[in-house]
Amino acid sequence: MSRFILGIALSLLVFSASPVLAGVAPLSESTAEMVIGSPDAPVTMIEYASLTCPHCAAFHTETLPKIKKAYVDTGKVRIIYRDFPLGSLAMGAAMLARCSGTKNYFTMLGALFASQATWARSETPLQALEGIARLSGMTVDDVDSCMNDKALFEHLKNVANDASNSLGVESTPTFFIEGTKVPGNMPFEDFQDILDKAIAKKQ
């Protein structure tokens, strides 16, 4: 087994822990806000990220699990993920993740970030993305349908343009915690300080 295939397979083992949904999610689902955490959480954290961004991958693999355990799972913070694709490959990856549906979305997102160094550097990255999508339960026809979804493409492009023009997002990852802009990945302790202060203001 090649190093590429092995890396993808290992990153996607998490799919075996939950039912895999085949097919392509309807547009109303693929363009919905992707959120983890309780809707009643006092603090909202919005992340703008690109699936080809190494700093975003580092956040998702190293920092986010700690934030999730300390703040999301305890009902203190909810996180909204928004795509800010840097290039066509990142756009394609974002579209595939969203086409997997809301129930599979964050699992797919995590797998893409965990295996980013492998698929993003592949000599045939689009084929690599297709392979990941198929491992997640999508067929070749599903992948083709998703990648040719002009409405989804326009939606993601508009979200990114709005973030750039209205919010001043210039790089990834960029976070907004209760409206305060927090650019770049940081150590968990720095996020902890910001989140604790935001939570304290709500009490």
N, C-alpha and C. Protein backbone atom coordinates (compact mmCIF):
# COMPACT_ATOMS: atom_id res chain seq x y z
N MET A 1 0.85 -1.20 0.00
CA MET A 1 0.00 0.00 0.00
C MET A 1 0.89 1.25 0.00
N SER A 2 0.62 2.21 -0.91
CA SER A 2 1.43 3.41 -0.98
C SER A 2 1.23 4.27 0.25
N ARG A 3 2.22 5.15 0.50
CA ARG A 3 2.12 6.05 1.65
C ARG A 3 0.89 6.95 1.54
N PHE A 4 0.57 7.37 0.30
CA PHE A 4 -0.61 8.22 0.10
C PHE A 4 -1.89 7.50 0.51
N ILE A 5 -2.09 6.30 -0.02
CA ILE A 5 -3.31 5.54 0.27
C ILE A 5 -3.38 5.22 1.76
N LEU A 6 -2.24 4.87 2.35
CA LEU A 6 -2.21 4.54 3.78
C LEU A 6 -2.60 5.75 4.61
N GLY A 7 -2.07 6.92 4.24
CA GLY A 7 -2.39 8.13 4.99
C GLY A 7 -3.87 8.47 4.93
N ILE A 8 -4.45 8.34 3.75
CA ILE A 8 -5.87 8.62 3.58
C ILE A 8 -6.70 7.62 4.37
N ALA A 9 -6.33 6.36 4.27
CA ALA A 9 -7.10 5.31 4.96
C ALA A 9 -7.09 5.53 6.47
N LEU A 10 -5.93 5.87 7.00
CA LEU A 10 -5.84 6.09 8.44
C LEU A 10 -6.66 7.30 8.87
N SER A 11 -6.63 8.37 8.08
CA SER A 11 -7.36 9.57 8.45
C SER A 11 -8.86 9.37 8.36
N LEU A 12 -9.30 8.39 7.56
CA LEU A 12 -10.72 8.17 7.36
C LEU A 12 -11.27 7.02 8.19
N LEU A 13 -10.45 6.45 9.07
CA LEU A 13 -10.95 5.39 9.94
C LEU A 13 -12.11 5.87 10.78
N VAL A 14 -12.13 7.18 11.06
CA VAL A 14 -13.19 7.74 11.89
C VAL A 14 -14.56 7.54 11.25
N PHE A 15 -14.60 7.41 9.91
CA PHE A 15 -15.89 7.21 9.26
C PHE A 15 -16.54 5.90 9.68
N SER A 16 -15.71 4.92 10.06
CA SER A 16 -16.27 3.63 10.45
C SER A 16 -16.99 3.69 11.77
N ALA A 17 -16.79 4.80 12.52
CA ALA A 17 -17.42 4.93 13.83
C ALA A 17 -18.85 5.43 13.73
N SER A 18 -19.26 5.89 12.54
CA SER A 18 -20.62 6.41 12.38
C SER A 18 -21.13 6.01 11.01
N PRO A 19 -22.46 5.98 10.82
CA PRO A 19 -23.01 5.58 9.53
C PRO A 19 -22.54 6.50 8.42
N VAL A 20 -22.19 5.95 7.28
CA VAL A 20 -21.77 6.74 6.14
C VAL A 20 -22.98 6.98 5.24
N LEU A 21 -23.18 8.22 4.88
CA LEU A 21 -24.32 8.57 4.06
C LEU A 21 -23.89 8.73 2.61
N ALA A 22 -24.41 7.90 1.74
CA ALA A 22 -24.08 8.00 0.33
C ALA A 22 -24.94 9.07 -0.32
N GLY A 23 -24.54 9.47 -1.53
CA GLY A 23 -25.31 10.47 -2.24
C GLY A 23 -24.81 11.87 -1.98
N VAL A 24 -25.46 12.82 -2.62
CA VAL A 24 -25.08 14.23 -2.49
C VAL A 24 -26.17 14.97 -1.73
N ALA A 25 -25.76 15.74 -0.76
CA ALA A 25 -26.72 16.49 0.05
C ALA A 25 -27.45 17.52 -0.82
N PRO A 26 -28.72 17.79 -0.56
CA PRO A 26 -29.43 18.83 -1.31
C PRO A 26 -28.80 20.20 -1.04
N LEU A 27 -29.02 21.13 -1.94
CA LEU A 27 -28.41 22.45 -1.85
C LEU A 27 -28.74 23.15 -0.53
N SER A 28 -29.97 22.97 -0.06
CA SER A 28 -30.36 23.62 1.20
C SER A 28 -29.52 23.14 2.37
N GLU A 29 -29.03 21.91 2.25
CA GLU A 29 -28.19 21.34 3.31
C GLU A 29 -26.72 21.68 3.09
N SER A 30 -26.26 21.60 1.86
CA SER A 30 -24.84 21.86 1.58
C SER A 30 -24.47 23.33 1.77
N THR A 31 -25.46 24.22 1.70
CA THR A 31 -25.17 25.65 1.89
C THR A 31 -25.55 26.14 3.28
N ALA A 32 -25.98 25.23 4.14
CA ALA A 32 -26.37 25.63 5.50
C ALA A 32 -25.14 26.00 6.33
N GLU A 33 -25.37 26.74 7.43
CA GLU A 33 -24.30 27.02 8.37
C GLU A 33 -23.86 25.70 8.99
N MET A 34 -22.56 25.45 9.05
CA MET A 34 -22.03 24.25 9.66
C MET A 34 -21.59 24.58 11.09
N VAL A 35 -22.28 24.00 12.05
CA VAL A 35 -22.11 24.42 13.45
C VAL A 35 -21.91 23.21 14.35
N ILE A 36 -20.99 23.35 15.30
CA ILE A 36 -20.88 22.38 16.38
C ILE A 36 -21.11 23.11 17.69
N GLY A 37 -21.77 22.44 18.62
CA GLY A 37 -22.05 23.07 19.90
C GLY A 37 -23.51 23.40 20.07
N SER A 38 -23.87 23.68 21.30
CA SER A 38 -25.26 23.98 21.62
C SER A 38 -25.70 25.33 21.08
N PRO A 39 -26.92 25.40 20.53
CA PRO A 39 -27.43 26.70 20.07
C PRO A 39 -27.63 27.67 21.23
N ASP A 40 -27.65 27.14 22.45
CA ASP A 40 -27.82 27.98 23.63
C ASP A 40 -26.50 28.40 24.26
N ALA A 41 -25.38 28.03 23.64
CA ALA A 41 -24.07 28.41 24.17
C ALA A 41 -23.96 29.94 24.22
N PRO A 42 -23.45 30.49 25.31
CA PRO A 42 -23.38 31.94 25.45
C PRO A 42 -22.41 32.63 24.49
N VAL A 43 -21.40 31.91 24.03
CA VAL A 43 -20.37 32.51 23.18
C VAL A 43 -20.32 31.80 21.83
N THR A 44 -20.23 32.61 20.77
CA THR A 44 -20.12 32.08 19.42
C THR A 44 -18.75 32.41 18.84
N MET A 45 -18.13 31.39 18.29
CA MET A 45 -16.82 31.52 17.65
C MET A 45 -16.98 31.14 16.19
N ILE A 46 -16.65 32.05 15.29
CA ILE A 46 -16.75 31.79 13.85
C ILE A 46 -15.34 31.62 13.28
N GLU A 47 -15.16 30.58 12.49
CA GLU A 47 -13.87 30.31 11.87
C GLU A 47 -14.00 30.40 10.36
N TYR A 48 -13.08 31.15 9.74
CA TYR A 48 -12.95 31.16 8.29
C TYR A 48 -11.65 30.42 7.96
N ALA A 49 -11.76 29.38 7.15
CA ALA A 49 -10.59 28.56 6.88
C ALA A 49 -10.59 28.02 5.46
N SER A 50 -9.40 27.63 5.02
CA SER A 50 -9.21 27.01 3.71
C SER A 50 -8.65 25.61 3.93
N LEU A 51 -9.18 24.66 3.20
CA LEU A 51 -8.77 23.27 3.39
C LEU A 51 -7.36 22.98 2.90
N THR A 52 -6.74 23.91 2.18
CA THR A 52 -5.34 23.74 1.77
C THR A 52 -4.39 24.53 2.63
N CYS A 53 -4.88 25.18 3.66
CA CYS A 53 -4.07 26.02 4.54
C CYS A 53 -3.44 25.18 5.66
N PRO A 54 -2.10 25.09 5.72
CA PRO A 54 -1.44 24.31 6.76
C PRO A 54 -1.75 24.79 8.18
N HIS A 55 -1.87 26.10 8.35
CA HIS A 55 -2.18 26.65 9.68
C HIS A 55 -3.58 26.24 10.12
N CYS A 56 -4.49 26.15 9.15
CA CYS A 56 -5.86 25.69 9.45
C CYS A 56 -5.84 24.22 9.86
N ALA A 57 -5.04 23.44 9.14
CA ALA A 57 -4.93 22.02 9.47
C ALA A 57 -4.35 21.84 10.88
N ALA A 58 -3.36 22.67 11.22
CA ALA A 58 -2.77 22.59 12.56
C ALA A 58 -3.80 22.93 13.62
N PHE A 59 -4.62 23.93 13.35
CA PHE A 59 -5.67 24.28 14.31
C PHE A 59 -6.63 23.12 14.51
N HIS A 60 -7.06 22.52 13.41
CA HIS A 60 -8.07 21.46 13.49
C HIS A 60 -7.54 20.17 14.11
N THR A 61 -6.28 19.90 13.92
CA THR A 61 -5.73 18.65 14.44
C THR A 61 -5.15 18.79 15.84
N GLU A 62 -4.68 19.99 16.20
CA GLU A 62 -4.00 20.17 17.48
C GLU A 62 -4.77 20.99 18.50
N THR A 63 -5.39 22.08 18.04
CA THR A 63 -6.01 23.03 18.97
C THR A 63 -7.51 22.82 19.14
N LEU A 64 -8.20 22.59 18.04
CA LEU A 64 -9.65 22.44 18.11
C LEU A 64 -10.10 21.33 19.06
N PRO A 65 -9.45 20.16 19.07
CA PRO A 65 -9.90 19.14 20.02
C PRO A 65 -9.89 19.61 21.47
N LYS A 66 -8.93 20.45 21.83
CA LYS A 66 -8.86 20.98 23.19
C LYS A 66 -9.98 21.99 23.44
N ILE A 67 -10.25 22.84 22.45
CA ILE A 67 -11.34 23.81 22.58
C ILE A 67 -12.67 23.08 22.66
N LYS A 68 -12.82 22.06 21.85
CA LYS A 68 -14.07 21.29 21.85
C LYS A 68 -14.31 20.66 23.22
N LYS A 69 -13.29 20.05 23.78
CA LYS A 69 -13.43 19.38 25.07
C LYS A 69 -13.74 20.36 26.20
N ALA A 70 -13.05 21.50 26.20
CA ALA A 70 -13.18 22.45 27.30
C ALA A 70 -14.38 23.37 27.18
N TYR A 71 -14.78 23.69 25.95
CA TYR A 71 -15.80 24.72 25.78
C TYR A 71 -17.04 24.28 25.00
N VAL A 72 -16.85 23.52 23.93
CA VAL A 72 -18.00 23.12 23.11
C VAL A 72 -18.80 22.03 23.80
N ASP A 73 -18.10 20.98 24.24
CA ASP A 73 -18.78 19.85 24.89
C ASP A 73 -19.42 20.22 26.22
N THR A 74 -18.96 21.32 26.81
CA THR A 74 -19.50 21.78 28.09
C THR A 74 -20.60 22.83 27.93
N GLY A 75 -20.96 23.12 26.66
CA GLY A 75 -22.06 24.04 26.40
C GLY A 75 -21.73 25.51 26.51
N LYS A 76 -20.44 25.85 26.59
CA LYS A 76 -20.05 27.25 26.75
C LYS A 76 -19.87 27.98 25.43
N VAL A 77 -19.47 27.25 24.40
CA VAL A 77 -19.14 27.86 23.10
C VAL A 77 -19.71 27.03 21.97
N ARG A 78 -20.21 27.70 20.96
CA ARG A 78 -20.56 27.02 19.71
C ARG A 78 -19.66 27.58 18.63
N ILE A 79 -19.29 26.73 17.68
CA ILE A 79 -18.36 27.13 16.62
C ILE A 79 -19.05 27.01 15.27
N ILE A 80 -18.98 28.07 14.50
CA ILE A 80 -19.50 28.09 13.13
C ILE A 80 -18.31 28.06 12.18
N TYR A 81 -18.31 27.07 11.29
CA TYR A 81 -17.22 26.95 10.31
C TYR A 81 -17.69 27.52 8.99
N ARG A 82 -16.89 28.44 8.43
CA ARG A 82 -17.20 29.01 7.12
C ARG A 82 -15.99 28.88 6.21
N ASP A 83 -16.26 28.53 4.96
CA ASP A 83 -15.19 28.30 4.00
C ASP A 83 -14.64 29.61 3.44
N PHE A 84 -13.32 29.66 3.34
CA PHE A 84 -12.63 30.78 2.71
C PHE A 84 -11.55 30.14 1.81
N PRO A 85 -11.99 29.51 0.70
CA PRO A 85 -11.07 28.70 -0.11
C PRO A 85 -9.98 29.54 -0.77
N LEU A 86 -8.74 29.12 -0.57
CA LEU A 86 -7.61 29.79 -1.20
C LEU A 86 -7.18 28.97 -2.42
N GLY A 87 -7.86 29.20 -3.53
CA GLY A 87 -7.54 28.48 -4.75
C GLY A 87 -8.58 27.44 -5.12
N SER A 88 -8.45 26.93 -6.35
CA SER A 88 -9.45 26.00 -6.88
C SER A 88 -9.43 24.65 -6.17
N LEU A 89 -8.26 24.20 -5.73
CA LEU A 89 -8.20 22.92 -5.03
C LEU A 89 -8.92 23.00 -3.69
N ALA A 90 -8.72 24.10 -2.98
CA ALA A 90 -9.42 24.31 -1.71
C ALA A 90 -10.92 24.41 -1.93
N MET A 91 -11.32 25.05 -3.02
CA MET A 91 -12.74 25.16 -3.34
C MET A 91 -13.34 23.78 -3.60
N GLY A 92 -12.63 22.96 -4.38
CA GLY A 92 -13.12 21.62 -4.67
C GLY A 92 -13.26 20.79 -3.41
N ALA A 93 -12.29 20.88 -2.52
CA ALA A 93 -12.35 20.14 -1.26
C ALA A 93 -13.52 20.61 -0.40
N ALA A 94 -13.73 21.93 -0.37
CA ALA A 94 -14.83 22.49 0.41
C ALA A 94 -16.17 22.01 -0.12
N MET A 95 -16.30 21.98 -1.43
CA MET A 95 -17.55 21.53 -2.05
C MET A 95 -17.83 20.07 -1.73
N LEU A 96 -16.80 19.24 -1.80
CA LEU A 96 -16.98 17.82 -1.50
C LEU A 96 -17.38 17.60 -0.04
N ALA A 97 -16.75 18.34 0.86
CA ALA A 97 -17.11 18.21 2.27
C ALA A 97 -18.57 18.58 2.49
N ARG A 98 -19.01 19.65 1.87
CA ARG A 98 -20.39 20.09 2.04
C ARG A 98 -21.38 19.16 1.36
N CYS A 99 -20.98 18.56 0.26
CA CYS A 99 -21.86 17.61 -0.42
C CYS A 99 -22.05 16.33 0.39
N SER A 100 -21.18 16.08 1.36
CA SER A 100 -21.31 14.87 2.17
C SER A 100 -22.47 14.96 3.15
N GLY A 101 -23.02 16.17 3.35
CA GLY A 101 -24.18 16.34 4.22
C GLY A 101 -23.82 16.78 5.63
N THR A 102 -24.77 17.36 6.32
CA THR A 102 -24.49 17.92 7.64
C THR A 102 -24.09 16.86 8.66
N LYS A 103 -24.64 15.65 8.55
CA LYS A 103 -24.32 14.61 9.52
C LYS A 103 -22.88 14.11 9.38
N ASN A 104 -22.37 14.15 8.16
CA ASN A 104 -21.01 13.69 7.90
C ASN A 104 -20.01 14.82 7.78
N TYR A 105 -20.50 16.07 7.78
CA TYR A 105 -19.66 17.19 7.39
C TYR A 105 -18.39 17.34 8.22
N PHE A 106 -18.53 17.41 9.54
CA PHE A 106 -17.35 17.67 10.36
C PHE A 106 -16.41 16.46 10.41
N THR A 107 -16.95 15.27 10.20
CA THR A 107 -16.10 14.10 10.08
C THR A 107 -15.27 14.19 8.80
N MET A 108 -15.92 14.56 7.71
CA MET A 108 -15.23 14.73 6.43
C MET A 108 -14.21 15.86 6.52
N LEU A 109 -14.59 16.96 7.15
CA LEU A 109 -13.70 18.11 7.30
C LEU A 109 -12.45 17.70 8.07
N GLY A 110 -12.66 17.00 9.17
CA GLY A 110 -11.54 16.56 9.98
C GLY A 110 -10.61 15.63 9.22
N ALA A 111 -11.19 14.73 8.43
CA ALA A 111 -10.38 13.81 7.63
C ALA A 111 -9.56 14.55 6.58
N LEU A 112 -10.16 15.56 5.96
CA LEU A 112 -9.44 16.34 4.95
C LEU A 112 -8.30 17.12 5.57
N PHE A 113 -8.53 17.71 6.74
CA PHE A 113 -7.45 18.44 7.39
C PHE A 113 -6.35 17.49 7.89
N ALA A 114 -6.75 16.35 8.42
CA ALA A 114 -5.78 15.39 8.95
C ALA A 114 -4.88 14.83 7.85
N SER A 115 -5.41 14.68 6.65
CA SER A 115 -4.64 14.11 5.54
C SER A 115 -4.21 15.17 4.52
N GLN A 116 -4.33 16.44 4.91
CA GLN A 116 -4.03 17.54 3.98
C GLN A 116 -2.63 17.44 3.37
N ALA A 117 -1.64 17.14 4.18
CA ALA A 117 -0.26 17.09 3.69
C ALA A 117 -0.08 16.04 2.61
N THR A 118 -0.99 15.07 2.58
CA THR A 118 -0.91 13.99 1.59
C THR A 118 -1.64 14.35 0.30
N TRP A 119 -2.94 14.68 0.41
CA TRP A 119 -3.71 14.91 -0.82
C TRP A 119 -3.37 16.25 -1.49
N ALA A 120 -3.10 17.28 -0.67
CA ALA A 120 -2.84 18.60 -1.25
C ALA A 120 -1.50 18.64 -2.00
N ARG A 121 -0.61 17.72 -1.67
CA ARG A 121 0.70 17.68 -2.33
C ARG A 121 0.80 16.56 -3.35
N SER A 122 -0.31 15.90 -3.57
CA SER A 122 -0.31 14.81 -4.55
C SER A 122 -0.10 15.38 -5.96
N GLU A 123 0.50 14.57 -6.84
CA GLU A 123 0.67 14.99 -8.23
C GLU A 123 -0.67 15.06 -8.95
N THR A 124 -1.65 14.34 -8.42
CA THR A 124 -3.01 14.37 -8.98
C THR A 124 -3.99 14.67 -7.85
N PRO A 125 -3.99 15.90 -7.34
CA PRO A 125 -4.79 16.23 -6.15
C PRO A 125 -6.29 16.06 -6.32
N LEU A 126 -6.81 16.36 -7.51
CA LEU A 126 -8.25 16.21 -7.71
C LEU A 126 -8.66 14.75 -7.66
N GLN A 127 -7.83 13.88 -8.20
CA GLN A 127 -8.11 12.46 -8.11
C GLN A 127 -8.00 11.98 -6.67
N ALA A 128 -7.06 12.58 -5.93
CA ALA A 128 -6.91 12.23 -4.51
C ALA A 128 -8.16 12.62 -3.73
N LEU A 129 -8.70 13.81 -4.03
CA LEU A 129 -9.93 14.26 -3.37
C LEU A 129 -11.09 13.32 -3.72
N GLU A 130 -11.15 12.91 -4.97
CA GLU A 130 -12.20 11.98 -5.39
C GLU A 130 -12.09 10.68 -4.59
N GLY A 131 -10.86 10.22 -4.38
CA GLY A 131 -10.66 9.01 -3.60
C GLY A 131 -11.14 9.15 -2.17
N ILE A 132 -10.88 10.31 -1.57
CA ILE A 132 -11.34 10.55 -0.20
C ILE A 132 -12.86 10.57 -0.15
N ALA A 133 -13.46 11.26 -1.11
CA ALA A 133 -14.92 11.34 -1.16
C ALA A 133 -15.54 9.96 -1.31
N ARG A 134 -14.93 9.12 -2.12
CA ARG A 134 -15.47 7.77 -2.32
C ARG A 134 -15.31 6.93 -1.06
N LEU A 135 -14.21 7.12 -0.33
CA LEU A 135 -14.04 6.41 0.94
C LEU A 135 -15.10 6.84 1.95
N SER A 136 -15.59 8.06 1.80
CA SER A 136 -16.61 8.56 2.73
C SER A 136 -18.02 8.11 2.34
N GLY A 137 -18.14 7.43 1.19
CA GLY A 137 -19.44 6.90 0.80
C GLY A 137 -20.01 7.47 -0.48
N MET A 138 -19.34 8.44 -1.09
CA MET A 138 -19.83 9.04 -2.32
C MET A 138 -19.38 8.20 -3.52
N THR A 139 -20.22 8.13 -4.54
CA THR A 139 -19.88 7.41 -5.77
C THR A 139 -19.19 8.37 -6.74
N VAL A 140 -18.69 7.83 -7.84
CA VAL A 140 -18.07 8.67 -8.87
C VAL A 140 -19.09 9.68 -9.39
N ASP A 141 -20.32 9.24 -9.60
CA ASP A 141 -21.37 10.14 -10.08
C ASP A 141 -21.67 11.22 -9.04
N ASP A 142 -21.64 10.84 -7.75
CA ASP A 142 -21.86 11.82 -6.69
C ASP A 142 -20.80 12.91 -6.74
N VAL A 143 -19.55 12.49 -6.90
CA VAL A 143 -18.44 13.43 -6.94
C VAL A 143 -18.59 14.38 -8.14
N ASP A 144 -18.91 13.83 -9.29
CA ASP A 144 -19.08 14.65 -10.49
C ASP A 144 -20.22 15.65 -10.31
N SER A 145 -21.32 15.17 -9.75
CA SER A 145 -22.47 16.05 -9.51
C SER A 145 -22.11 17.18 -8.58
N CYS A 146 -21.37 16.84 -7.53
CA CYS A 146 -20.98 17.85 -6.54
C CYS A 146 -20.04 18.88 -7.14
N MET A 147 -19.02 18.42 -7.84
CA MET A 147 -18.00 19.32 -8.38
C MET A 147 -18.54 20.21 -9.49
N ASN A 148 -19.69 19.85 -10.04
CA ASN A 148 -20.31 20.65 -11.09
C ASN A 148 -21.52 21.44 -10.60
N ASP A 149 -21.66 21.52 -9.29
CA ASP A 149 -22.79 22.23 -8.69
C ASP A 149 -22.48 23.74 -8.68
N LYS A 150 -22.95 24.43 -9.70
CA LYS A 150 -22.66 25.86 -9.83
C LYS A 150 -23.26 26.68 -8.70
N ALA A 151 -24.43 26.28 -8.20
CA ALA A 151 -25.08 27.02 -7.13
C ALA A 151 -24.25 26.94 -5.85
N LEU A 152 -23.72 25.76 -5.54
CA LEU A 152 -22.88 25.60 -4.36
C LEU A 152 -21.58 26.39 -4.52
N PHE A 153 -21.00 26.31 -5.71
CA PHE A 153 -19.78 27.07 -6.00
C PHE A 153 -20.00 28.57 -5.77
N GLU A 154 -21.10 29.10 -6.32
CA GLU A 154 -21.39 30.52 -6.17
C GLU A 154 -21.64 30.89 -4.71
N HIS A 155 -22.30 30.01 -3.98
CA HIS A 155 -22.56 30.26 -2.57
C HIS A 155 -21.25 30.39 -1.80
N LEU A 156 -20.34 29.46 -2.00
CA LEU A 156 -19.07 29.49 -1.27
C LEU A 156 -18.24 30.71 -1.68
N LYS A 157 -18.27 31.04 -2.96
CA LYS A 157 -17.55 32.22 -3.44
C LYS A 157 -18.12 33.49 -2.81
N ASN A 158 -19.44 33.57 -2.69
CA ASN A 158 -20.08 34.74 -2.10
C ASN A 158 -19.78 34.87 -0.61
N VAL A 159 -19.75 33.74 0.09
CA VAL A 159 -19.42 33.75 1.52
C VAL A 159 -18.00 34.30 1.72
N ALA A 160 -17.08 33.82 0.90
CA ALA A 160 -15.70 34.27 1.00
C ALA A 160 -15.56 35.74 0.63
N ASN A 161 -16.24 36.16 -0.42
CA ASN A 161 -16.18 37.57 -0.84
C ASN A 161 -16.76 38.48 0.23
N ASP A 162 -17.86 38.06 0.84
CA ASP A 162 -18.48 38.86 1.89
C ASP A 162 -17.54 38.97 3.09
N ALA A 163 -16.88 37.87 3.43
CA ALA A 163 -15.94 37.89 4.56
C ALA A 163 -14.78 38.83 4.28
N SER A 164 -14.32 38.83 3.04
CA SER A 164 -13.22 39.69 2.66
C SER A 164 -13.62 41.16 2.63
N ASN A 165 -14.77 41.45 2.00
CA ASN A 165 -15.18 42.83 1.81
C ASN A 165 -15.81 43.46 3.04
N SER A 166 -16.58 42.67 3.79
CA SER A 166 -17.30 43.23 4.93
C SER A 166 -16.57 43.07 6.27
N LEU A 167 -15.80 42.00 6.39
CA LEU A 167 -15.17 41.69 7.67
C LEU A 167 -13.66 41.83 7.66
N GLY A 168 -13.09 42.05 6.48
CA GLY A 168 -11.65 42.23 6.40
C GLY A 168 -10.85 40.95 6.54
N VAL A 169 -11.46 39.82 6.21
CA VAL A 169 -10.71 38.56 6.26
C VAL A 169 -9.75 38.53 5.09
N GLU A 170 -8.46 38.37 5.38
CA GLU A 170 -7.43 38.38 4.35
C GLU A 170 -6.63 37.09 4.31
N SER A 171 -6.66 36.34 5.38
CA SER A 171 -5.86 35.12 5.46
C SER A 171 -6.59 34.10 6.30
N THR A 172 -6.08 32.88 6.29
CA THR A 172 -6.71 31.82 7.07
C THR A 172 -5.69 31.17 7.99
N PRO A 173 -6.15 30.68 9.14
CA PRO A 173 -7.53 30.85 9.64
C PRO A 173 -7.73 32.23 10.24
N THR A 174 -8.94 32.74 10.16
CA THR A 174 -9.34 33.96 10.85
C THR A 174 -10.58 33.63 11.66
N PHE A 175 -10.58 34.06 12.91
CA PHE A 175 -11.68 33.77 13.83
C PHE A 175 -12.36 35.07 14.26
N PHE A 176 -13.63 34.93 14.59
CA PHE A 176 -14.38 36.02 15.22
C PHE A 176 -15.03 35.44 16.46
N ILE A 177 -14.62 35.95 17.61
CA ILE A 177 -15.16 35.48 18.87
C ILE A 177 -16.01 36.59 19.46
N GLU A 178 -17.32 36.39 19.44
CA GLU A 178 -18.27 37.42 19.85
C GLU A 178 -17.99 38.74 19.12
N GLY A 179 -17.69 38.62 17.83
CA GLY A 179 -17.50 39.80 16.99
C GLY A 179 -16.08 40.32 16.96
N THR A 180 -15.23 39.87 17.85
CA THR A 180 -13.84 40.34 17.88
C THR A 180 -12.98 39.49 16.95
N LYS A 181 -12.28 40.15 16.04
CA LYS A 181 -11.46 39.47 15.06
C LYS A 181 -10.19 38.91 15.70
N VAL A 182 -9.93 37.64 15.46
CA VAL A 182 -8.74 36.97 15.99
C VAL A 182 -8.05 36.29 14.80
N PRO A 183 -7.04 36.95 14.20
CA PRO A 183 -6.39 36.36 13.03
C PRO A 183 -5.33 35.33 13.39
N GLY A 184 -5.30 34.23 12.64
CA GLY A 184 -4.24 33.24 12.77
C GLY A 184 -4.46 32.19 13.84
N ASN A 185 -3.80 31.07 13.65
CA ASN A 185 -3.82 30.00 14.65
C ASN A 185 -2.94 30.41 15.82
N MET A 186 -3.36 30.06 17.01
CA MET A 186 -2.63 30.39 18.22
C MET A 186 -2.58 29.17 19.11
N PRO A 187 -1.72 29.18 20.12
CA PRO A 187 -1.74 28.09 21.11
C PRO A 187 -3.09 28.06 21.82
N PHE A 188 -3.46 26.89 22.29
CA PHE A 188 -4.73 26.73 22.99
C PHE A 188 -4.87 27.72 24.13
N GLU A 189 -3.78 27.98 24.85
CA GLU A 189 -3.84 28.88 26.01
C GLU A 189 -4.27 30.29 25.62
N ASP A 190 -3.90 30.74 24.42
CA ASP A 190 -4.31 32.07 23.97
C ASP A 190 -5.80 32.10 23.66
N PHE A 191 -6.29 31.04 23.00
CA PHE A 191 -7.73 30.94 22.76
C PHE A 191 -8.47 30.85 24.10
N GLN A 192 -7.92 30.12 25.02
CA GLN A 192 -8.52 29.94 26.33
C GLN A 192 -8.72 31.28 27.03
N ASP A 193 -7.71 32.13 26.96
CA ASP A 193 -7.79 33.45 27.58
C ASP A 193 -8.91 34.29 26.96
N ILE A 194 -8.99 34.29 25.63
CA ILE A 194 -10.01 35.07 24.93
C ILE A 194 -11.41 34.52 25.21
N LEU A 195 -11.55 33.20 25.16
CA LEU A 195 -12.85 32.58 25.38
C LEU A 195 -13.33 32.77 26.82
N ASP A 196 -12.43 32.64 27.77
CA ASP A 196 -12.80 32.83 29.18
C ASP A 196 -13.31 34.24 29.42
N LYS A 197 -12.65 35.21 28.82
CA LYS A 197 -13.08 36.61 28.98
C LYS A 197 -14.44 36.85 28.32
N ALA A 198 -14.64 36.24 27.15
CA ALA A 198 -15.92 36.38 26.46
C ALA A 198 -17.06 35.74 27.27
N ILE A 199 -16.77 34.60 27.86
CA ILE A 199 -17.78 33.92 28.68
C ILE A 199 -18.09 34.73 29.93
N ALA A 200 -17.07 35.29 30.54
CA ALA A 200 -17.25 36.07 31.76
C ALA A 200 -18.16 37.28 31.52
N LYS A 201 -18.07 37.86 30.34
CA LYS A 201 -18.92 39.02 30.01
C LYS A 201 -20.39 38.63 29.88
N LYS A 202 -20.65 37.35 29.63
CA LYS A 202 -22.02 36.88 29.47
C LYS A 202 -22.66 36.51 30.80
N GLN A 203 -21.89 36.46 31.85
CA GLN A 203 -22.41 36.01 33.14
C GLN A 203 -22.90 37.18 33.98
